[in-house]
Each structure stands twice: as C-alpha cells, then as structure tokens.
Amino acid sequence: MAEPEAEEEPSRMADRLKGFLVLQGIALAIALAVPITPSKTGSTWSPAELVTADPNYLQKVVASFVSVNVIIAVLGVVVWLSTKVGKRD
C-alpha cells in the first residue's frame, strides 16, 4: 500500500511547481502592466518611490512584482489558515 503514495508524491510536487510557475507568470504580467497603466485617480505614485526618489520603468516593475508577490503570499496564508481551521471542525 505504500507504493501508490510514493508514486503520487512526485506528481503532487510537479503540480505544485506548475502552479507556482503559473502564479509567478501572472505576477510578472501584472508587474509589467502596472507601471504603464494610467491611474484612474490620476496618481503617479509607485511603490518604487519608497526606495528611489525618481524610479525608472525597470525599478517600477521590480517594485510592482514584489508588491504583487506580497499580496499573493498574504492571500495564501489566509487560505492556508482557513483550510486548517476547517479541518479542525
């Protein structure tokens, strides 16, 4: 009975890796679009301005990528905690 579980483990890791890569691709697409998308409020502020006074496009992309990944990480922790609490009941 231990053999089927051993066969499933690499498949689960591969699925997790694919999910992670897809998520990072989405985060990169968002980060590339955010600095060139005009703000509906007219704001020109960027998260990169927390690090640099006059950020260029690449610095804005990196800051947006980090920001999106932080948001994804927070959402992931919330989902993980909610599933843990759900299993306890």
PDB file of N, CA and C in Angstrom:
ATOM      1  N   MET A   1       0.805  -1.193   0.000  1.00  0.00           N
ATOM      2  CA  MET A   1       0.000   0.000   0.000  1.00  0.00           C
ATOM      3  C   MET A   1       0.850   1.260   0.000  1.00  0.00           C
ATOM      4  N   ALA A   2       2.081   1.188   0.429  1.00  0.00           N
ATOM      5  CA  ALA A   2       2.941   2.362   0.482  1.00  0.00           C
ATOM      6  C   ALA A   2       3.395   2.791  -0.908  1.00  0.00           C
ATOM      7  N   GLU A   3       3.401   1.902  -1.856  1.00  0.00           N
ATOM      8  CA  GLU A   3       3.879   2.243  -3.193  1.00  0.00           C
ATOM      9  C   GLU A   3       3.014   3.278  -3.908  1.00  0.00           C
ATOM     10  N   PRO A   4       1.676   3.187  -3.891  1.00  0.00           N
ATOM     11  CA  PRO A   4       0.894   4.215  -4.571  1.00  0.00           C
ATOM     12  C   PRO A   4       1.124   5.608  -3.995  1.00  0.00           C
ATOM     13  N   GLU A   5       1.306   5.708  -2.684  1.00  0.00           N
ATOM     14  CA  GLU A   5       1.580   7.012  -2.090  1.00  0.00           C
ATOM     15  C   GLU A   5       2.920   7.549  -2.559  1.00  0.00           C
ATOM     16  N   ALA A   6       3.902   6.686  -2.681  1.00  0.00           N
ATOM     17  CA  ALA A   6       5.224   7.104  -3.147  1.00  0.00           C
ATOM     18  C   ALA A   6       5.154   7.571  -4.591  1.00  0.00           C
ATOM     19  N   GLU A   7       4.298   6.961  -5.398  1.00  0.00           N
ATOM     20  CA  GLU A   7       4.160   7.382  -6.787  1.00  0.00           C
ATOM     21  C   GLU A   7       3.424   8.711  -6.905  1.00  0.00           C
ATOM     22  N   GLU A   8       2.511   8.987  -5.993  1.00  0.00           N
ATOM     23  CA  GLU A   8       1.739  10.215  -6.058  1.00  0.00           C
ATOM     24  C   GLU A   8       2.543  11.428  -5.607  1.00  0.00           C
ATOM     25  N   GLU A   9       3.499  11.251  -4.732  1.00  0.00           N
ATOM     26  CA  GLU A   9       4.247  12.386  -4.189  1.00  0.00           C
ATOM     27  C   GLU A   9       4.990  13.195  -5.259  1.00  0.00           C
ATOM     28  N   PRO A  10       5.747  12.591  -6.188  1.00  0.00           N
ATOM     29  CA  PRO A  10       6.388  13.401  -7.227  1.00  0.00           C
ATOM     30  C   PRO A  10       5.360  14.125  -8.105  1.00  0.00           C
ATOM     31  N   SER A  11       4.214  13.507  -8.332  1.00  0.00           N
ATOM     32  CA  SER A  11       3.175  14.140  -9.132  1.00  0.00           C
ATOM     33  C   SER A  11       2.633  15.379  -8.416  1.00  0.00           C
ATOM     34  N   ARG A  12       2.453  15.271  -7.104  1.00  0.00           N
ATOM     35  CA  ARG A  12       1.966  16.428  -6.338  1.00  0.00           C
ATOM     36  C   ARG A  12       2.980  17.552  -6.367  1.00  0.00           C
ATOM     37  N   MET A  13       4.276  17.201  -6.260  1.00  0.00           N
ATOM     38  CA  MET A  13       5.315  18.231  -6.314  1.00  0.00           C
ATOM     39  C   MET A  13       5.342  18.893  -7.682  1.00  0.00           C
ATOM     40  N   ALA A  14       5.192  18.101  -8.731  1.00  0.00           N
ATOM     41  CA  ALA A  14       5.175  18.662 -10.086  1.00  0.00           C
ATOM     42  C   ALA A  14       3.978  19.584 -10.260  1.00  0.00           C
ATOM     43  N   ASP A  15       2.825  19.200  -9.725  1.00  0.00           N
ATOM     44  CA  ASP A  15       1.642  20.050  -9.811  1.00  0.00           C
ATOM     45  C   ASP A  15       1.836  21.347  -9.035  1.00  0.00           C
ATOM     46  N   ARG A  16       2.444  21.250  -7.873  1.00  0.00           N
ATOM     47  CA  ARG A  16       2.714  22.453  -7.079  1.00  0.00           C
ATOM     48  C   ARG A  16       3.698  23.371  -7.791  1.00  0.00           C
ATOM     49  N   LEU A  17       4.719  22.786  -8.410  1.00  0.00           N
ATOM     50  CA  LEU A  17       5.686  23.585  -9.147  1.00  0.00           C
ATOM     51  C   LEU A  17       5.033  24.279 -10.329  1.00  0.00           C
ATOM     52  N   LYS A  18       4.186  23.558 -11.054  1.00  0.00           N
ATOM     53  CA  LYS A  18       3.468  24.172 -12.178  1.00  0.00           C
ATOM     54  C   LYS A  18       2.575  25.312 -11.693  1.00  0.00           C
ATOM     55  N   GLY A  19       1.879  25.089 -10.593  1.00  0.00           N
ATOM     56  CA  GLY A  19       1.026  26.134 -10.030  1.00  0.00           C
ATOM     57  C   GLY A  19       1.829  27.352  -9.618  1.00  0.00           C
ATOM     58  N   PHE A  20       2.982  27.112  -9.003  1.00  0.00           N
ATOM     59  CA  PHE A  20       3.854  28.213  -8.592  1.00  0.00           C
ATOM     60  C   PHE A  20       4.352  28.997  -9.799  1.00  0.00           C
ATOM     61  N   LEU A  21       4.762  28.286 -10.849  1.00  0.00           N
ATOM     62  CA  LEU A  21       5.264  28.971 -12.047  1.00  0.00           C
ATOM     63  C   LEU A  21       4.159  29.758 -12.746  1.00  0.00           C
ATOM     64  N   VAL A  22       2.966  29.218 -12.788  1.00  0.00           N
ATOM     65  CA  VAL A  22       1.836  29.948 -13.379  1.00  0.00           C
ATOM     66  C   VAL A  22       1.548  31.199 -12.559  1.00  0.00           C
ATOM     67  N   LEU A  23       1.563  31.067 -11.239  1.00  0.00           N
ATOM     68  CA  LEU A  23       1.315  32.202 -10.361  1.00  0.00           C
ATOM     69  C   LEU A  23       2.382  33.282 -10.537  1.00  0.00           C
ATOM     70  N   GLN A  24       3.637  32.884 -10.674  1.00  0.00           N
ATOM     71  CA  GLN A  24       4.703  33.860 -10.889  1.00  0.00           C
ATOM     72  C   GLN A  24       4.592  34.519 -12.269  1.00  0.00           C
ATOM     73  N   GLY A  25       4.141  33.759 -13.259  1.00  0.00           N
ATOM     74  CA  GLY A  25       3.913  34.343 -14.582  1.00  0.00           C
ATOM     75  C   GLY A  25       2.823  35.399 -14.543  1.00  0.00           C
ATOM     76  N   ILE A  26       1.760  35.116 -13.803  1.00  0.00           N
ATOM     77  CA  ILE A  26       0.682  36.094 -13.649  1.00  0.00           C
ATOM     78  C   ILE A  26       1.190  37.328 -12.904  1.00  0.00           C
ATOM     79  N   ALA A  27       1.962  37.108 -11.851  1.00  0.00           N
ATOM     80  CA  ALA A  27       2.516  38.229 -11.089  1.00  0.00           C
ATOM     81  C   ALA A  27       3.427  39.081 -11.954  1.00  0.00           C
ATOM     82  N   LEU A  28       4.222  38.449 -12.804  1.00  0.00           N
ATOM     83  CA  LEU A  28       5.109  39.198 -13.694  1.00  0.00           C
ATOM     84  C   LEU A  28       4.302  39.986 -14.725  1.00  0.00           C
ATOM     85  N   ALA A  29       3.243  39.395 -15.256  1.00  0.00           N
ATOM     86  CA  ALA A  29       2.397  40.108 -16.225  1.00  0.00           C
ATOM     87  C   ALA A  29       1.749  41.333 -15.579  1.00  0.00           C
ATOM     88  N   ILE A  30       1.283  41.174 -14.349  1.00  0.00           N
ATOM     89  CA  ILE A  30       0.704  42.314 -13.636  1.00  0.00           C
ATOM     90  C   ILE A  30       1.766  43.381 -13.393  1.00  0.00           C
ATOM     91  N   ALA A  31       2.957  42.953 -12.977  1.00  0.00           N
ATOM     92  CA  ALA A  31       4.037  43.904 -12.687  1.00  0.00           C
ATOM     93  C   ALA A  31       4.485  44.651 -13.931  1.00  0.00           C
ATOM     94  N   LEU A  32       4.460  43.998 -15.086  1.00  0.00           N
ATOM     95  CA  LEU A  32       4.842  44.679 -16.321  1.00  0.00           C
ATOM     96  C   LEU A  32       3.786  45.683 -16.772  1.00  0.00           C
ATOM     97  N   ALA A  33       2.520  45.406 -16.476  1.00  0.00           N
ATOM     98  CA  ALA A  33       1.440  46.281 -16.930  1.00  0.00           C
ATOM     99  C   ALA A  33       1.185  47.461 -16.004  1.00  0.00           C
ATOM    100  N   VAL A  34       1.423  47.287 -14.719  1.00  0.00           N
ATOM    101  CA  VAL A  34       1.066  48.325 -13.754  1.00  0.00           C
ATOM    102  C   VAL A  34       1.793  49.651 -13.993  1.00  0.00           C
ATOM    103  N   PRO A  35       3.098  49.682 -14.238  1.00  0.00           N
ATOM    104  CA  PRO A  35       3.756  50.987 -14.403  1.00  0.00           C
ATOM    105  C   PRO A  35       3.304  51.769 -15.637  1.00  0.00           C
ATOM    106  N   ILE A  36       2.778  51.120 -16.655  1.00  0.00           N
ATOM    107  CA  ILE A  36       2.371  51.846 -17.861  1.00  0.00           C
ATOM    108  C   ILE A  36       0.869  52.078 -17.939  1.00  0.00           C
ATOM    109  N   THR A  37       0.122  51.476 -17.009  1.00  0.00           N
ATOM    110  CA  THR A  37      -1.331  51.661 -16.991  1.00  0.00           C
ATOM    111  C   THR A  37      -1.660  52.960 -16.279  1.00  0.00           C
ATOM    112  N   PRO A  38      -2.413  53.843 -16.926  1.00  0.00           N
ATOM    113  CA  PRO A  38      -2.750  55.107 -16.257  1.00  0.00           C
ATOM    114  C   PRO A  38      -3.675  54.874 -15.066  1.00  0.00           C
ATOM    115  N   SER A  39      -3.443  55.639 -14.027  1.00  0.00           N
ATOM    116  CA  SER A  39      -4.260  55.524 -12.824  1.00  0.00           C
ATOM    117  C   SER A  39      -5.592  56.227 -13.037  1.00  0.00           C
ATOM    118  N   LYS A  40      -6.662  55.614 -12.560  1.00  0.00           N
ATOM    119  CA  LYS A  40      -7.986  56.234 -12.678  1.00  0.00           C
ATOM    120  C   LYS A  40      -8.123  57.428 -11.742  1.00  0.00           C
ATOM    121  N   THR A  41      -7.308  57.471 -10.685  1.00  0.00           N
ATOM    122  CA  THR A  41      -7.371  58.572  -9.732  1.00  0.00           C
ATOM    123  C   THR A  41      -6.413  59.701 -10.104  1.00  0.00           C
ATOM    124  N   GLY A  42      -5.572  59.464 -11.108  1.00  0.00           N
ATOM    125  CA  GLY A  42      -4.616  60.478 -11.511  1.00  0.00           C
ATOM    126  C   GLY A  42      -3.324  60.445 -10.709  1.00  0.00           C
ATOM    127  N   SER A  43      -3.172  59.468  -9.840  1.00  0.00           N
ATOM    128  CA  SER A  43      -1.974  59.366  -9.014  1.00  0.00           C
ATOM    129  C   SER A  43      -0.796  58.883  -9.860  1.00  0.00           C
ATOM    130  N   THR A  44       0.362  59.430  -9.592  1.00  0.00           N
ATOM    131  CA  THR A  44       1.583  58.993 -10.280  1.00  0.00           C
ATOM    132  C   THR A  44       2.515  58.261  -9.323  1.00  0.00           C
ATOM    133  N   TRP A  45       2.077  58.003  -8.074  1.00  0.00           N
ATOM    134  CA  TRP A  45       2.909  57.353  -7.071  1.00  0.00           C
ATOM    135  C   TRP A  45       3.123  55.890  -7.426  1.00  0.00           C
ATOM    136  N   SER A  46       4.292  55.383  -7.105  1.00  0.00           N
ATOM    137  CA  SER A  46       4.636  53.990  -7.349  1.00  0.00           C
ATOM    138  C   SER A  46       5.305  53.431  -6.097  1.00  0.00           C
ATOM    139  N   PRO A  47       5.140  52.124  -5.827  1.00  0.00           N
ATOM    140  CA  PRO A  47       5.834  51.540  -4.669  1.00  0.00           C
ATOM    141  C   PRO A  47       7.354  51.696  -4.752  1.00  0.00           C
ATOM    142  N   ALA A  48       7.879  51.854  -5.955  1.00  0.00           N
ATOM    143  CA  ALA A  48       9.327  52.026  -6.119  1.00  0.00           C
ATOM    144  C   ALA A  48       9.809  53.337  -5.508  1.00  0.00           C
ATOM    145  N   GLU A  49       8.918  54.289  -5.334  1.00  0.00           N
ATOM    146  CA  GLU A  49       9.310  55.571  -4.751  1.00  0.00           C
ATOM    147  C   GLU A  49       9.645  55.449  -3.270  1.00  0.00           C
ATOM    148  N   LEU A  50       9.305  54.316  -2.660  1.00  0.00           N
ATOM    149  CA  LEU A  50       9.712  54.081  -1.277  1.00  0.00           C
ATOM    150  C   LEU A  50      11.207  53.813  -1.185  1.00  0.00           C
ATOM    151  N   VAL A  51      11.799  53.368  -2.316  1.00  0.00           N
ATOM    152  CA  VAL A  51      13.214  53.017  -2.345  1.00  0.00           C
ATOM    153  C   VAL A  51      14.036  54.076  -3.077  1.00  0.00           C
ATOM    154  N   THR A  52      13.493  54.591  -4.175  1.00  0.00           N
ATOM    155  CA  THR A  52      14.210  55.540  -5.029  1.00  0.00           C
ATOM    156  C   THR A  52      13.362  56.785  -5.243  1.00  0.00           C
ATOM    157  N   ALA A  53      14.007  57.934  -5.267  1.00  0.00           N
ATOM    158  CA  ALA A  53      13.263  59.183  -5.444  1.00  0.00           C
ATOM    159  C   ALA A  53      12.659  59.292  -6.839  1.00  0.00           C
ATOM    160  N   ASP A  54      13.411  58.931  -7.876  1.00  0.00           N
ATOM    161  CA  ASP A  54      12.925  59.031  -9.247  1.00  0.00           C
ATOM    162  C   ASP A  54      13.124  57.682  -9.948  1.00  0.00           C
ATOM    163  N   PRO A  55      12.210  56.726  -9.735  1.00  0.00           N
ATOM    164  CA  PRO A  55      12.404  55.381 -10.292  1.00  0.00           C
ATOM    165  C   PRO A  55      12.191  55.323 -11.798  1.00  0.00           C
ATOM    166  N   ASN A  56      12.986  54.474 -12.460  1.00  0.00           N
ATOM    167  CA  ASN A  56      12.765  54.247 -13.889  1.00  0.00           C
ATOM    168  C   ASN A  56      11.781  53.087 -14.048  1.00  0.00           C
ATOM    169  N   TYR A  57      11.483  52.723 -15.300  1.00  0.00           N
ATOM    170  CA  TYR A  57      10.480  51.691 -15.570  1.00  0.00           C
ATOM    171  C   TYR A  57      10.848  50.354 -14.935  1.00  0.00           C
ATOM    172  N   LEU A  58      12.107  49.944 -15.052  1.00  0.00           N
ATOM    173  CA  LEU A  58      12.530  48.656 -14.504  1.00  0.00           C
ATOM    174  C   LEU A  58      12.385  48.619 -12.979  1.00  0.00           C
ATOM    175  N   GLN A  59      12.721  49.706 -12.319  1.00  0.00           N
ATOM    176  CA  GLN A  59      12.571  49.771 -10.866  1.00  0.00           C
ATOM    177  C   GLN A  59      11.098  49.708 -10.468  1.00  0.00           C
ATOM    178  N   LYS A  60      10.236  50.323 -11.277  1.00  0.00           N
ATOM    179  CA  LYS A  60       8.801  50.256 -11.003  1.00  0.00           C
ATOM    180  C   LYS A  60       8.278  48.832 -11.200  1.00  0.00           C
ATOM    181  N   VAL A  61       8.785  48.138 -12.231  1.00  0.00           N
ATOM    182  CA  VAL A  61       8.365  46.757 -12.477  1.00  0.00           C
ATOM    183  C   VAL A  61       8.786  45.858 -11.323  1.00  0.00           C
ATOM    184  N   VAL A  62      10.020  45.997 -10.866  1.00  0.00           N
ATOM    185  CA  VAL A  62      10.511  45.166  -9.754  1.00  0.00           C
ATOM    186  C   VAL A  62       9.691  45.444  -8.490  1.00  0.00           C
ATOM    187  N   ALA A  63       9.421  46.701  -8.213  1.00  0.00           N
ATOM    188  CA  ALA A  63       8.633  47.044  -7.024  1.00  0.00           C
ATOM    189  C   ALA A  63       7.208  46.501  -7.135  1.00  0.00           C
ATOM    190  N   SER A  64       6.630  46.578  -8.314  1.00  0.00           N
ATOM    191  CA  SER A  64       5.283  46.037  -8.512  1.00  0.00           C
ATOM    192  C   SER A  64       5.282  44.524  -8.379  1.00  0.00           C
ATOM    193  N   PHE A  65       6.319  43.857  -8.900  1.00  0.00           N
ATOM    194  CA  PHE A  65       6.431  42.402  -8.804  1.00  0.00           C
ATOM    195  C   PHE A  65       6.518  41.971  -7.344  1.00  0.00           C
ATOM    196  N   VAL A  66       7.326  42.663  -6.574  1.00  0.00           N
ATOM    197  CA  VAL A  66       7.457  42.349  -5.149  1.00  0.00           C
ATOM    198  C   VAL A  66       6.129  42.605  -4.437  1.00  0.00           C
ATOM    199  N   SER A  67       5.473  43.705  -4.759  1.00  0.00           N
ATOM    200  CA  SER A  67       4.188  44.024  -4.130  1.00  0.00           C
ATOM    201  C   SER A  67       3.137  42.968  -4.431  1.00  0.00           C
ATOM    202  N   VAL A  68       3.055  42.544  -5.688  1.00  0.00           N
ATOM    203  CA  VAL A  68       2.087  41.517  -6.070  1.00  0.00           C
ATOM    204  C   VAL A  68       2.397  40.209  -5.351  1.00  0.00           C
ATOM    205  N   ASN A  69       3.667  39.855  -5.237  1.00  0.00           N
ATOM    206  CA  ASN A  69       4.030  38.616  -4.536  1.00  0.00           C
ATOM    207  C   ASN A  69       3.715  38.694  -3.042  1.00  0.00           C
ATOM    208  N   VAL A  70       3.855  39.856  -2.440  1.00  0.00           N
ATOM    209  CA  VAL A  70       3.489  40.008  -1.031  1.00  0.00           C
ATOM    210  C   VAL A  70       1.984  39.819  -0.866  1.00  0.00           C
ATOM    211  N   ILE A  71       1.201  40.404  -1.763  1.00  0.00           N
ATOM    212  CA  ILE A  71      -0.256  40.238  -1.706  1.00  0.00           C
ATOM    213  C   ILE A  71      -0.634  38.773  -1.893  1.00  0.00           C
ATOM    214  N   ILE A  72       0.004  38.097  -2.843  1.00  0.00           N
ATOM    215  CA  ILE A  72      -0.268  36.674  -3.073  1.00  0.00           C
ATOM    216  C   ILE A  72       0.109  35.849  -1.844  1.00  0.00           C
ATOM    217  N   ALA A  73       1.229  36.181  -1.208  1.00  0.00           N
ATOM    218  CA  ALA A  73       1.660  35.445  -0.015  1.00  0.00           C
ATOM    219  C   ALA A  73       0.660  35.628   1.126  1.00  0.00           C
ATOM    220  N   VAL A  74       0.174  36.848   1.313  1.00  0.00           N
ATOM    221  CA  VAL A  74      -0.805  37.106   2.375  1.00  0.00           C
ATOM    222  C   VAL A  74      -2.093  36.339   2.092  1.00  0.00           C
ATOM    223  N   LEU A  75      -2.555  36.369   0.841  1.00  0.00           N
ATOM    224  CA  LEU A  75      -3.756  35.611   0.485  1.00  0.00           C
ATOM    225  C   LEU A  75      -3.535  34.110   0.675  1.00  0.00           C
ATOM    226  N   GLY A  76      -2.353  33.631   0.326  1.00  0.00           N
ATOM    227  CA  GLY A  76      -2.038  32.214   0.513  1.00  0.00           C
ATOM    228  C   GLY A  76      -2.065  31.806   1.974  1.00  0.00           C
ATOM    229  N   VAL A  77      -1.541  32.649   2.848  1.00  0.00           N
ATOM    230  CA  VAL A  77      -1.556  32.351   4.285  1.00  0.00           C
ATOM    231  C   VAL A  77      -2.992  32.342   4.801  1.00  0.00           C
ATOM    232  N   VAL A  78      -3.800  33.283   4.337  1.00  0.00           N
ATOM    233  CA  VAL A  78      -5.204  33.322   4.761  1.00  0.00           C
ATOM    234  C   VAL A  78      -5.932  32.053   4.320  1.00  0.00           C
ATOM    235  N   VAL A  79      -5.723  31.636   3.076  1.00  0.00           N
ATOM    236  CA  VAL A  79      -6.365  30.415   2.573  1.00  0.00           C
ATOM    237  C   VAL A  79      -5.865  29.192   3.346  1.00  0.00           C
ATOM    238  N   TRP A  80      -4.559  29.135   3.571  1.00  0.00           N
ATOM    239  CA  TRP A  80      -3.980  28.004   4.311  1.00  0.00           C
ATOM    240  C   TRP A  80      -4.553  27.925   5.725  1.00  0.00           C
ATOM    241  N   LEU A  81      -4.627  29.065   6.399  1.00  0.00           N
ATOM    242  CA  LEU A  81      -5.184  29.079   7.752  1.00  0.00           C
ATOM    243  C   LEU A  81      -6.665  28.713   7.757  1.00  0.00           C
ATOM    244  N   SER A  82      -7.399  29.167   6.766  1.00  0.00           N
ATOM    245  CA  SER A  82      -8.828  28.847   6.723  1.00  0.00           C
ATOM    246  C   SER A  82      -9.044  27.360   6.476  1.00  0.00           C
ATOM    247  N   THR A  83      -8.171  26.726   5.691  1.00  0.00           N
ATOM    248  CA  THR A  83      -8.315  25.281   5.482  1.00  0.00           C
ATOM    249  C   THR A  83      -7.922  24.513   6.742  1.00  0.00           C
ATOM    250  N   LYS A  84      -6.935  25.006   7.482  1.00  0.00           N
ATOM    251  CA  LYS A  84      -6.541  24.359   8.738  1.00  0.00           C
ATOM    252  C   LYS A  84      -7.673  24.460   9.763  1.00  0.00           C
ATOM    253  N   VAL A  85      -8.309  25.599   9.857  1.00  0.00           N
ATOM    254  CA  VAL A  85      -9.408  25.780  10.798  1.00  0.00           C
ATOM    255  C   VAL A  85     -10.598  24.920  10.357  1.00  0.00           C
ATOM    256  N   GLY A  86     -10.825  24.813   9.060  1.00  0.00           N
ATOM    257  CA  GLY A  86     -11.914  23.999   8.543  1.00  0.00           C
ATOM    258  C   GLY A  86     -11.723  22.519   8.823  1.00  0.00           C
ATOM    259  N   LYS A  87     -10.494  22.048   8.823  1.00  0.00           N
ATOM    260  CA  LYS A  87     -10.207  20.627   9.091  1.00  0.00           C
ATOM    261  C   LYS A  87     -10.356  20.303  10.571  1.00  0.00           C
ATOM    262  N   ARG A  88     -10.189  21.292  11.437  1.00  0.00           N
ATOM    263  CA  ARG A  88     -10.310  21.049  12.869  1.00  0.00           C
ATOM    264  C   ARG A  88     -11.748  20.763  13.283  1.00  0.00           C
ATOM    265  N   ASP A  89     -12.694  21.339  12.589  1.00  0.00           N
ATOM    266  CA  ASP A  89     -14.111  21.177  12.958  1.00  0.00           C
ATOM    267  C   ASP A  89     -14.641  19.822  12.692  1.00  0.00           C
TER     268      ASP A  89
END
